[in-house]
Amino acid sequence: MAQSLHKQKCIILTLFLFLLLRHGESQRFSRNLSPKTLGFKKQKLSHLHFYFHDLVSGDKPTALRVAQSAITNTSATGFGFVVMIDDPLTVGPEPTSKIVGRAQGIYAAADMSQAALLMVLNYVFVEGKYNGSTLSILGRNPVFSPVRELPIVGGSGLFRFARGYALAKTYFFNSSNGDTIVEYNVYVQHY
């Protein structure tokens, strides 16, 4: 009788452990989805063209230095400075041109031998069909190269699941105060 009771306890314990393991397997971390369930349609390729106004001087700068390293002031490249930005994006190069968005984020001097920035920012669009949508940029910007390529690593709104690249070309640089206007051509794949 005692042996039969022990056998029943082992069976119940085995069943309990099996059910517990089975339940743990049903709680999955990930699963495959069909793109159609998220409303994906055929991918589009868009070309955006605008001007980025990085104003570090004047009464209303749009780019402010928020940190620097111990060697920033003695470094030939300004290595270690960090700038927070909220720069206007405009249709034309003139500061009075129509604003289509803002470039918001950070850039930092990240190269000890060449003037190159680490750019971490979002293009936040405020005009037209892209109003409320964003593109996320993360990349290296060697500022004195004639044309720089920066990767698009994502986006939101109409640019959800975006990927592509931005070509930056300096349009105007004021060497006495650092104000800069950069022309951007952005090529982005999105749904």
Protein backbone atom coordinates (compact mmCIF):
# COMPACT_ATOMS: atom_id res chain seq x y z
CA MET A 1 0.00 0.00 0.00
CA ALA A 2 2.81 2.41 0.94
CA GLN A 3 4.55 1.54 -2.30
CA SER A 4 1.37 2.24 -4.30
CA LEU A 5 0.92 5.62 -2.55
CA HIS A 6 4.58 6.50 -3.30
CA LYS A 7 4.05 5.52 -6.95
CA GLN A 8 0.92 7.74 -7.15
CA LYS A 9 2.83 10.69 -5.65
CA CYS A 10 5.61 10.26 -8.22
CA ILE A 11 3.07 10.16 -11.07
CA ILE A 12 1.31 13.29 -9.76
CA LEU A 13 4.64 15.08 -9.31
CA THR A 14 5.73 14.06 -12.82
CA LEU A 15 2.44 15.31 -14.30
CA PHE A 16 2.74 18.56 -12.35
CA LEU A 17 6.29 19.15 -13.60
CA PHE A 18 5.24 18.28 -17.17
CA LEU A 19 2.34 20.77 -17.03
CA LEU A 20 4.58 23.41 -15.48
CA LEU A 21 7.20 22.97 -18.23
CA ARG A 22 4.50 22.90 -20.90
CA HIS A 23 3.02 26.16 -19.59
CA GLY A 24 6.51 27.75 -19.59
CA GLU A 25 6.94 26.82 -23.24
CA SER A 26 3.66 28.49 -24.19
CA GLN A 27 4.93 31.83 -22.88
CA ARG A 28 7.17 32.69 -25.84
CA PHE A 29 9.60 35.57 -26.04
CA SER A 30 9.19 36.06 -29.78
CA ARG A 31 7.14 34.94 -32.73
CA ASN A 32 7.11 35.39 -36.50
CA LEU A 33 4.56 37.78 -37.95
CA SER A 34 3.26 38.33 -41.41
CA PRO A 35 3.99 41.88 -42.63
CA LYS A 36 0.32 42.10 -43.65
CA THR A 37 -0.79 41.86 -39.98
CA LEU A 38 1.02 45.17 -39.31
CA GLY A 39 -0.49 46.84 -42.37
CA PHE A 40 2.67 46.79 -44.47
CA LYS A 41 2.22 47.50 -48.12
CA LYS A 42 4.77 47.67 -50.90
CA GLN A 43 7.92 49.56 -49.87
CA LYS A 44 8.39 53.10 -51.13
CA LEU A 45 11.58 55.01 -51.85
CA SER A 46 11.39 58.71 -50.99
CA HIS A 47 13.84 61.53 -51.64
CA LEU A 48 13.76 64.44 -49.19
CA HIS A 49 15.69 67.67 -49.74
CA PHE A 50 16.11 70.33 -47.04
CA TYR A 51 18.59 72.61 -45.29
CA PHE A 52 19.82 72.15 -41.73
CA HIS A 53 20.56 75.42 -39.86
CA ASP A 54 23.04 74.86 -37.00
CA LEU A 55 23.19 78.16 -35.13
CA VAL A 56 25.76 78.31 -32.32
CA SER A 57 25.87 82.12 -31.98
CA GLY A 58 23.44 84.97 -31.41
CA ASP A 59 20.53 85.52 -29.05
CA LYS A 60 18.73 82.30 -29.97
CA PRO A 61 21.26 79.54 -30.71
CA THR A 62 19.82 76.18 -31.77
CA ALA A 63 22.98 74.24 -30.87
CA LEU A 64 24.45 74.40 -27.36
CA ARG A 65 27.60 72.80 -26.00
CA VAL A 66 26.57 70.75 -22.97
CA ALA A 67 29.85 68.95 -22.15
CA GLN A 68 33.51 68.66 -23.03
CA SER A 69 36.52 66.55 -22.11
CA ALA A 70 39.63 67.61 -20.25
CA ILE A 71 41.53 67.87 -23.57
CA THR A 72 38.83 69.53 -25.73
CA ASN A 73 40.36 73.02 -25.60
CA THR A 74 43.86 71.77 -26.47
CA SER A 75 42.79 69.21 -29.08
CA ALA A 76 43.20 70.17 -32.75
CA THR A 77 39.81 68.57 -33.47
CA GLY A 78 37.91 69.69 -30.36
CA PHE A 79 37.81 66.03 -29.31
CA GLY A 80 35.27 65.36 -26.59
CA PHE A 81 32.83 68.26 -26.93
CA VAL A 82 29.13 67.37 -26.91
CA VAL A 83 26.44 69.60 -28.43
CA MET A 84 22.67 69.29 -27.98
CA ILE A 85 20.67 70.56 -30.98
CA ASP A 86 17.18 71.62 -31.98
CA ASP A 87 18.01 72.92 -35.47
CA PRO A 88 15.40 74.05 -38.01
CA LEU A 89 15.10 72.14 -41.29
CA THR A 90 13.97 74.42 -44.11
CA VAL A 91 12.94 74.16 -47.76
CA GLY A 92 15.63 76.63 -48.87
CA PRO A 93 19.00 77.79 -47.52
CA GLU A 94 17.69 81.15 -46.31
CA PRO A 95 17.00 81.33 -42.55
CA THR A 96 13.55 82.76 -43.38
CA SER A 97 12.67 79.82 -45.65
CA LYS A 98 9.68 77.63 -44.73
CA ILE A 99 10.39 75.23 -41.84
CA VAL A 100 9.57 71.59 -42.66
CA GLY A 101 11.02 70.03 -39.52
CA ARG A 102 13.65 70.07 -36.79
CA ALA A 103 16.88 68.15 -36.28
CA GLN A 104 16.88 67.19 -32.60
CA GLY A 105 19.61 65.26 -30.83
CA ILE A 106 23.32 65.31 -30.11
CA TYR A 107 26.57 65.60 -31.99
CA ALA A 108 30.01 65.14 -30.50
CA ALA A 109 33.63 65.46 -31.64
CA ALA A 110 34.65 61.80 -31.77
CA ASP A 111 37.94 61.74 -33.69
CA MET A 112 41.33 62.80 -32.30
CA SER A 113 43.02 63.17 -35.70
CA GLN A 114 40.31 64.61 -37.98
CA ALA A 115 37.30 66.92 -37.50
CA ALA A 116 34.57 64.27 -37.40
CA LEU A 117 31.35 64.18 -35.45
CA LEU A 118 29.27 61.36 -34.05
CA MET A 119 25.70 62.33 -35.03
CA VAL A 120 22.78 60.93 -33.02
CA LEU A 121 19.61 62.74 -34.01
CA ASN A 122 16.06 62.65 -35.24
CA TYR A 123 14.63 64.60 -38.11
CA VAL A 124 11.20 65.56 -36.76
CA PHE A 125 8.92 66.62 -39.61
CA VAL A 126 6.22 69.25 -39.02
CA GLU A 127 4.91 69.89 -42.52
CA GLY A 128 2.91 68.14 -45.23
CA LYS A 129 2.20 64.44 -45.34
CA TYR A 130 5.23 63.68 -43.12
CA ASN A 131 3.96 65.91 -40.27
CA GLY A 132 4.52 63.99 -37.02
CA SER A 133 6.87 61.43 -38.60
CA THR A 134 10.56 61.10 -37.74
CA LEU A 135 13.76 59.69 -39.21
CA SER A 136 16.57 58.54 -36.92
CA ILE A 137 20.22 59.15 -37.88
CA LEU A 138 23.24 57.51 -36.28
CA GLY A 139 26.63 57.90 -37.90
CA ARG A 140 29.98 59.57 -38.47
CA ASN A 141 30.18 63.00 -40.08
CA PRO A 142 33.69 64.05 -41.26
CA VAL A 143 32.66 67.70 -41.49
CA PHE A 144 35.31 68.93 -43.95
CA SER A 145 34.60 66.24 -46.57
CA PRO A 146 32.74 67.70 -49.55
CA VAL A 147 29.85 65.21 -49.14
CA ARG A 148 29.18 63.05 -46.09
CA GLU A 149 26.95 59.97 -45.93
CA LEU A 150 25.01 59.23 -42.75
CA PRO A 151 22.85 56.14 -42.22
CA ILE A 152 19.12 56.25 -41.53
CA VAL A 153 18.59 53.61 -38.85
CA GLY A 154 14.84 53.88 -38.31
CA GLY A 155 11.87 56.14 -38.01
CA SER A 156 8.31 56.58 -36.84
CA GLY A 157 4.93 57.47 -38.31
CA LEU A 158 5.07 57.22 -42.10
CA PHE A 159 8.75 56.30 -41.71
CA ARG A 160 8.17 53.29 -39.43
CA PHE A 161 10.79 50.60 -40.28
CA ALA A 162 12.69 53.16 -42.40
CA ARG A 163 16.21 52.61 -43.66
CA GLY A 164 18.39 54.58 -46.02
CA TYR A 165 21.01 57.29 -46.03
CA ALA A 166 21.43 61.05 -45.90
CA LEU A 167 23.97 62.96 -47.97
CA ALA A 168 25.18 66.11 -46.24
CA LYS A 169 26.95 68.95 -48.06
CA THR A 170 28.01 72.17 -46.35
CA TYR A 171 26.21 75.08 -48.00
CA PHE A 172 27.52 77.85 -45.72
CA PHE A 173 30.01 78.00 -42.85
CA ASN A 174 30.82 81.12 -40.85
CA SER A 175 34.36 80.54 -39.57
CA SER A 176 34.17 83.46 -37.12
CA ASN A 177 31.12 82.25 -35.15
CA GLY A 178 30.59 78.61 -36.24
CA ASP A 179 27.08 79.01 -37.68
CA THR A 180 26.53 76.45 -40.43
CA ILE A 181 23.93 75.63 -43.06
CA VAL A 182 24.05 72.09 -44.44
CA GLU A 183 22.17 70.86 -47.50
CA TYR A 184 20.69 67.39 -47.05
CA ASN A 185 19.51 64.91 -49.65
CA VAL A 186 17.85 62.00 -47.88
CA TYR A 187 16.98 58.70 -49.56
CA VAL A 188 14.74 56.50 -47.46
CA GLN A 189 12.90 53.21 -47.93
CA HIS A 190 9.69 52.92 -45.94
CA TYR A 191 6.20 51.41 -46.08
